[in-house]
Amino acid sequence: MKTLTKRPSNEDFLFPIRTTSKAGGDVSGSRPGMLDMVGRAKYDGWAKLKGMSKDDCYEEICGESEARC
């Protein structure tokens, strides 16, 4: 296991959440309120991938995981 030398960016933290959520389908529902910052970040990350196919999403997950190892 690698030891991190610095804290990963918020984008790096949200990558697995948004891509696995996207693999289940496009974002639905309303955007969370402004006081739910974590929920909004997850929703926005998921919404960025709108229209991406399930296969493309899985390829992105695999490619990013290999790049981080």
Protein backbone atom coordinates (compact mmCIF):
# COMPACT_ATOMS: atom_id res chain seq x y z
CA MET A 1 0.00 0.00 0.00
CA LYS A 2 1.25 3.47 -0.87
CA THR A 3 1.45 6.26 1.66
CA LEU A 4 0.06 9.60 0.57
CA THR A 5 2.46 12.53 0.71
CA LYS A 6 -0.34 15.09 0.40
CA ARG A 7 -4.12 15.16 0.71
CA PRO A 8 -5.88 14.26 -2.55
CA SER A 9 -8.05 16.93 -4.14
CA ASN A 10 -11.81 16.92 -3.71
CA GLU A 11 -12.09 15.88 -7.37
CA ASP A 12 -9.99 12.79 -6.60
CA PHE A 13 -12.24 11.93 -3.66
CA LEU A 14 -15.39 12.32 -5.76
CA PHE A 15 -14.11 10.35 -8.75
CA PRO A 16 -15.22 6.89 -7.53
CA ILE A 17 -18.55 8.20 -6.29
CA ARG A 18 -19.53 9.99 -9.50
CA THR A 19 -18.37 7.25 -11.87
CA THR A 20 -20.01 4.38 -10.02
CA SER A 21 -23.19 6.42 -9.62
CA LYS A 22 -23.13 7.22 -13.33
CA ALA A 23 -22.78 3.53 -14.17
CA GLY A 24 -26.26 3.16 -12.67
CA GLY A 25 -27.74 5.82 -14.97
CA ASP A 26 -28.03 9.57 -15.44
CA VAL A 27 -28.56 11.87 -12.49
CA SER A 28 -32.17 12.37 -11.46
CA GLY A 29 -34.05 14.44 -8.91
CA SER A 30 -33.38 17.95 -7.79
CA ARG A 31 -30.01 19.36 -6.77
CA PRO A 32 -29.48 19.34 -2.96
CA GLY A 33 -29.78 22.63 -1.07
CA MET A 34 -26.87 25.00 -0.50
CA LEU A 35 -26.31 23.80 3.07
CA ASP A 36 -25.70 20.22 1.90
CA MET A 37 -22.25 20.87 0.41
CA VAL A 38 -21.27 17.20 0.18
CA GLY A 39 -24.55 16.26 -1.48
CA ARG A 40 -24.21 19.11 -3.96
CA ALA A 41 -20.65 18.11 -4.85
CA LYS A 42 -21.73 14.51 -5.44
CA TYR A 43 -24.74 15.61 -7.49
CA ASP A 44 -22.68 18.04 -9.59
CA GLY A 45 -19.98 15.43 -10.23
CA TRP A 46 -22.60 12.94 -11.33
CA ALA A 47 -24.33 15.52 -13.52
CA LYS A 48 -21.03 16.26 -15.35
CA LEU A 49 -21.15 12.75 -16.77
CA LYS A 50 -24.69 13.03 -18.12
CA GLY A 51 -25.01 11.23 -21.45
CA MET A 52 -21.92 9.03 -20.96
CA SER A 53 -22.57 5.37 -21.70
CA LYS A 54 -22.27 2.72 -19.01
CA ASP A 55 -19.36 1.05 -20.85
CA ASP A 56 -17.46 4.35 -21.20
CA CYS A 57 -17.97 4.95 -17.51
CA TYR A 58 -16.52 1.56 -16.57
CA GLU A 59 -13.55 2.19 -18.90
CA GLU A 60 -12.89 5.50 -17.15
CA ILE A 61 -13.01 3.78 -13.75
CA CYS A 62 -10.53 1.09 -14.84
CA GLY A 63 -8.21 3.56 -16.57
CA GLU A 64 -8.11 5.93 -13.62
CA SER A 65 -7.55 3.08 -11.16
CA GLU A 66 -4.59 1.79 -13.18
CA ALA A 67 -3.11 5.29 -13.38
CA ARG A 68 -3.23 5.65 -9.59
CA CYS A 69 -1.43 2.36 -8.88
